[in-house]
Amino acid sequence: MKVRKWWRNTLERFGPRRRLRVIEGDSLPARLPRRDLVLARDDGEDWCVGMRCPCGCGYVIELLVVAEGKPRWDVKVDANGIPTLTPSVWLQKGCRSHFWVREGRIHWC
């Protein structure tokens, strides 16, 4: 178990950064990419960001980015499509992961 956790952390630190994929529509697709984040955009307005839990449990995380949403997250994307989310993501169910997405990398709390 410790080896798997070490490997996951090493891959996050030195492996490829996560990217943001933009799709049209106000909901997430049925299948999300293994590593990347997906932004649902409808008529030019961002609705939500989705991703699989980075701990590997397979849980689908959906974060509202629409201005009226509560709670809501802000997503910033650099010129290369590398996302940063604020505030942190803290799952209250399941694996109870708590992490930041900064410059395409997962930083565990």
C-alpha atoms as a PDB file:
ATOM      1  CA  MET A   1       0.000   0.000   0.000  1.00  0.00           C
ATOM      2  CA  LYS A   2       2.808   2.443   0.866  1.00  0.00           C
ATOM      3  CA  VAL A   3       4.533   1.686  -2.431  1.00  0.00           C
ATOM      4  CA  ARG A   4       1.373   2.524  -4.381  1.00  0.00           C
ATOM      5  CA  LYS A   5       0.951   5.812  -2.494  1.00  0.00           C
ATOM      6  CA  TRP A   6       4.613   6.678  -3.067  1.00  0.00           C
ATOM      7  CA  TRP A   7       4.269   5.907  -6.794  1.00  0.00           C
ATOM      8  CA  ARG A   8       1.096   8.028  -7.096  1.00  0.00           C
ATOM      9  CA  ASN A   9       2.783  10.988  -5.379  1.00  0.00           C
ATOM     10  CA  THR A  10       5.900  10.649  -7.529  1.00  0.00           C
ATOM     11  CA  LEU A  11       3.806  10.588 -10.718  1.00  0.00           C
ATOM     12  CA  GLU A  12       1.919  13.700  -9.577  1.00  0.00           C
ATOM     13  CA  ARG A  13       5.139  15.517  -8.815  1.00  0.00           C
ATOM     14  CA  PHE A  14       7.161  14.650 -11.925  1.00  0.00           C
ATOM     15  CA  GLY A  15       4.661  13.246 -14.430  1.00  0.00           C
ATOM     16  CA  PRO A  16       2.603  15.155 -16.978  1.00  0.00           C
ATOM     17  CA  ARG A  17       0.372  17.934 -15.678  1.00  0.00           C
ATOM     18  CA  ARG A  18      -3.383  17.611 -15.791  1.00  0.00           C
ATOM     19  CA  ARG A  19      -5.084  19.595 -18.542  1.00  0.00           C
ATOM     20  CA  LEU A  20      -8.516  21.134 -18.915  1.00  0.00           C
ATOM     21  CA  ARG A  21     -10.835  19.909 -21.663  1.00  0.00           C
ATOM     22  CA  VAL A  22     -13.822  22.088 -22.575  1.00  0.00           C
ATOM     23  CA  ILE A  23     -17.098  20.506 -23.718  1.00  0.00           C
ATOM     24  CA  GLU A  24     -20.339  22.113 -24.849  1.00  0.00           C
ATOM     25  CA  GLY A  25     -23.389  21.524 -22.655  1.00  0.00           C
ATOM     26  CA  ASP A  26     -24.498  22.157 -19.094  1.00  0.00           C
ATOM     27  CA  SER A  27     -23.577  18.723 -17.739  1.00  0.00           C
ATOM     28  CA  LEU A  28     -20.558  16.447 -17.625  1.00  0.00           C
ATOM     29  CA  PRO A  29     -20.122  13.473 -19.973  1.00  0.00           C
ATOM     30  CA  ALA A  30     -20.892   9.966 -18.712  1.00  0.00           C
ATOM     31  CA  ARG A  31     -17.199   8.983 -18.944  1.00  0.00           C
ATOM     32  CA  LEU A  32     -14.540  11.335 -17.684  1.00  0.00           C
ATOM     33  CA  PRO A  33     -10.870  11.166 -18.665  1.00  0.00           C
ATOM     34  CA  ARG A  34      -8.609   9.347 -16.236  1.00  0.00           C
ATOM     35  CA  ARG A  35      -6.436  12.361 -15.336  1.00  0.00           C
ATOM     36  CA  ASP A  36      -7.716  15.505 -17.023  1.00  0.00           C
ATOM     37  CA  LEU A  37     -10.398  17.908 -15.820  1.00  0.00           C
ATOM     38  CA  VAL A  38     -13.488  18.630 -17.926  1.00  0.00           C
ATOM     39  CA  LEU A  39     -15.199  22.030 -18.053  1.00  0.00           C
ATOM     40  CA  ALA A  40     -18.855  22.069 -19.132  1.00  0.00           C
ATOM     41  CA  ARG A  41     -19.662  25.294 -21.014  1.00  0.00           C
ATOM     42  CA  ASP A  42     -23.090  26.209 -22.384  1.00  0.00           C
ATOM     43  CA  ASP A  43     -23.612  29.325 -24.561  1.00  0.00           C
ATOM     44  CA  GLY A  44     -20.281  30.757 -23.450  1.00  0.00           C
ATOM     45  CA  GLU A  45     -21.035  30.368 -19.720  1.00  0.00           C
ATOM     46  CA  ASP A  46     -18.997  27.956 -17.607  1.00  0.00           C
ATOM     47  CA  TRP A  47     -21.145  25.599 -15.489  1.00  0.00           C
ATOM     48  CA  CYS A  48     -19.040  22.986 -13.763  1.00  0.00           C
ATOM     49  CA  VAL A  49     -15.693  21.236 -13.665  1.00  0.00           C
ATOM     50  CA  GLY A  50     -15.557  17.468 -13.384  1.00  0.00           C
ATOM     51  CA  MET A  51     -12.765  15.043 -12.640  1.00  0.00           C
ATOM     52  CA  ARG A  52     -12.109  11.616 -11.210  1.00  0.00           C
ATOM     53  CA  CYS A  53     -10.849  11.555  -7.644  1.00  0.00           C
ATOM     54  CA  PRO A  54      -7.031  11.625  -7.795  1.00  0.00           C
ATOM     55  CA  CYS A  55      -6.727   9.058  -4.979  1.00  0.00           C
ATOM     56  CA  GLY A  56      -7.758   6.350  -7.446  1.00  0.00           C
ATOM     57  CA  CYS A  57     -11.074   5.401  -5.829  1.00  0.00           C
ATOM     58  CA  GLY A  58     -12.964   6.247  -9.055  1.00  0.00           C
ATOM     59  CA  TYR A  59     -15.375   8.746  -7.461  1.00  0.00           C
ATOM     60  CA  VAL A  60     -16.598  11.421  -9.908  1.00  0.00           C
ATOM     61  CA  ILE A  61     -16.129  14.946  -8.553  1.00  0.00           C
ATOM     62  CA  GLU A  62     -18.375  17.715  -9.900  1.00  0.00           C
ATOM     63  CA  LEU A  63     -17.545  21.285  -8.878  1.00  0.00           C
ATOM     64  CA  LEU A  64     -19.820  24.238  -9.700  1.00  0.00           C
ATOM     65  CA  VAL A  65     -18.135  27.250 -11.289  1.00  0.00           C
ATOM     66  CA  VAL A  66     -21.302  29.161 -12.202  1.00  0.00           C
ATOM     67  CA  ALA A  67     -21.542  32.497 -10.342  1.00  0.00           C
ATOM     68  CA  GLU A  68     -24.841  31.609  -8.625  1.00  0.00           C
ATOM     69  CA  GLY A  69     -23.607  28.217  -7.347  1.00  0.00           C
ATOM     70  CA  LYS A  70     -22.922  27.499  -3.694  1.00  0.00           C
ATOM     71  CA  PRO A  71     -20.388  26.242  -2.962  1.00  0.00           C
ATOM     72  CA  ARG A  72     -18.494  27.378  -6.030  1.00  0.00           C
ATOM     73  CA  TRP A  73     -14.964  27.157  -7.354  1.00  0.00           C
ATOM     74  CA  ASP A  74     -12.896  29.392  -9.599  1.00  0.00           C
ATOM     75  CA  VAL A  75     -10.934  27.849 -12.430  1.00  0.00           C
ATOM     76  CA  LYS A  76      -7.980  29.590 -14.047  1.00  0.00           C
ATOM     77  CA  VAL A  77      -6.311  28.198 -17.147  1.00  0.00           C
ATOM     78  CA  ASP A  78      -2.918  29.195 -18.502  1.00  0.00           C
ATOM     79  CA  ALA A  79      -2.037  29.436 -22.200  1.00  0.00           C
ATOM     80  CA  ASN A  80      -1.168  25.706 -22.330  1.00  0.00           C
ATOM     81  CA  GLY A  81      -4.526  24.554 -20.945  1.00  0.00           C
ATOM     82  CA  ILE A  82      -3.152  23.840 -17.453  1.00  0.00           C
ATOM     83  CA  PRO A  83      -5.845  24.450 -14.770  1.00  0.00           C
ATOM     84  CA  THR A  84      -5.757  25.835 -11.238  1.00  0.00           C
ATOM     85  CA  LEU A  85      -8.808  25.474  -8.967  1.00  0.00           C
ATOM     86  CA  THR A  86      -9.595  27.552  -5.886  1.00  0.00           C
ATOM     87  CA  PRO A  87     -10.512  26.817  -3.132  1.00  0.00           C
ATOM     88  CA  SER A  88      -9.349  23.290  -2.262  1.00  0.00           C
ATOM     89  CA  VAL A  89     -11.483  20.203  -2.907  1.00  0.00           C
ATOM     90  CA  TRP A  90     -12.527  18.340   0.241  1.00  0.00           C
ATOM     91  CA  LEU A  91     -14.781  15.322  -0.226  1.00  0.00           C
ATOM     92  CA  GLN A  92     -17.215  14.781   2.630  1.00  0.00           C
ATOM     93  CA  LYS A  93     -18.232  11.285   1.431  1.00  0.00           C
ATOM     94  CA  GLY A  94     -16.384   8.203   0.311  1.00  0.00           C
ATOM     95  CA  CYS A  95     -12.582   8.447   0.474  1.00  0.00           C
ATOM     96  CA  ARG A  96     -12.702  11.916   2.122  1.00  0.00           C
ATOM     97  CA  SER A  97      -9.798  13.219   0.018  1.00  0.00           C
ATOM     98  CA  HIS A  98      -8.647  16.801   0.526  1.00  0.00           C
ATOM     99  CA  PHE A  99      -6.431  18.410  -2.101  1.00  0.00           C
ATOM    100  CA  TRP A 100      -5.623  21.458  -4.208  1.00  0.00           C
ATOM    101  CA  VAL A 101      -5.317  21.546  -7.993  1.00  0.00           C
ATOM    102  CA  ARG A 102      -2.509  24.014  -8.694  1.00  0.00           C
ATOM    103  CA  GLU A 103      -0.942  24.418 -12.118  1.00  0.00           C
ATOM    104  CA  GLY A 104      -2.207  21.014 -13.219  1.00  0.00           C
ATOM    105  CA  ARG A 105      -0.801  19.159 -10.220  1.00  0.00           C
ATOM    106  CA  ILE A 106      -2.517  17.654  -7.177  1.00  0.00           C
ATOM    107  CA  HIS A 107      -1.253  18.932  -3.818  1.00  0.00           C
ATOM    108  CA  TRP A 108      -2.578  16.831  -0.932  1.00  0.00           C
ATOM    109  CA  CYS A 109      -3.623  18.466   2.327  1.00  0.00           C
END
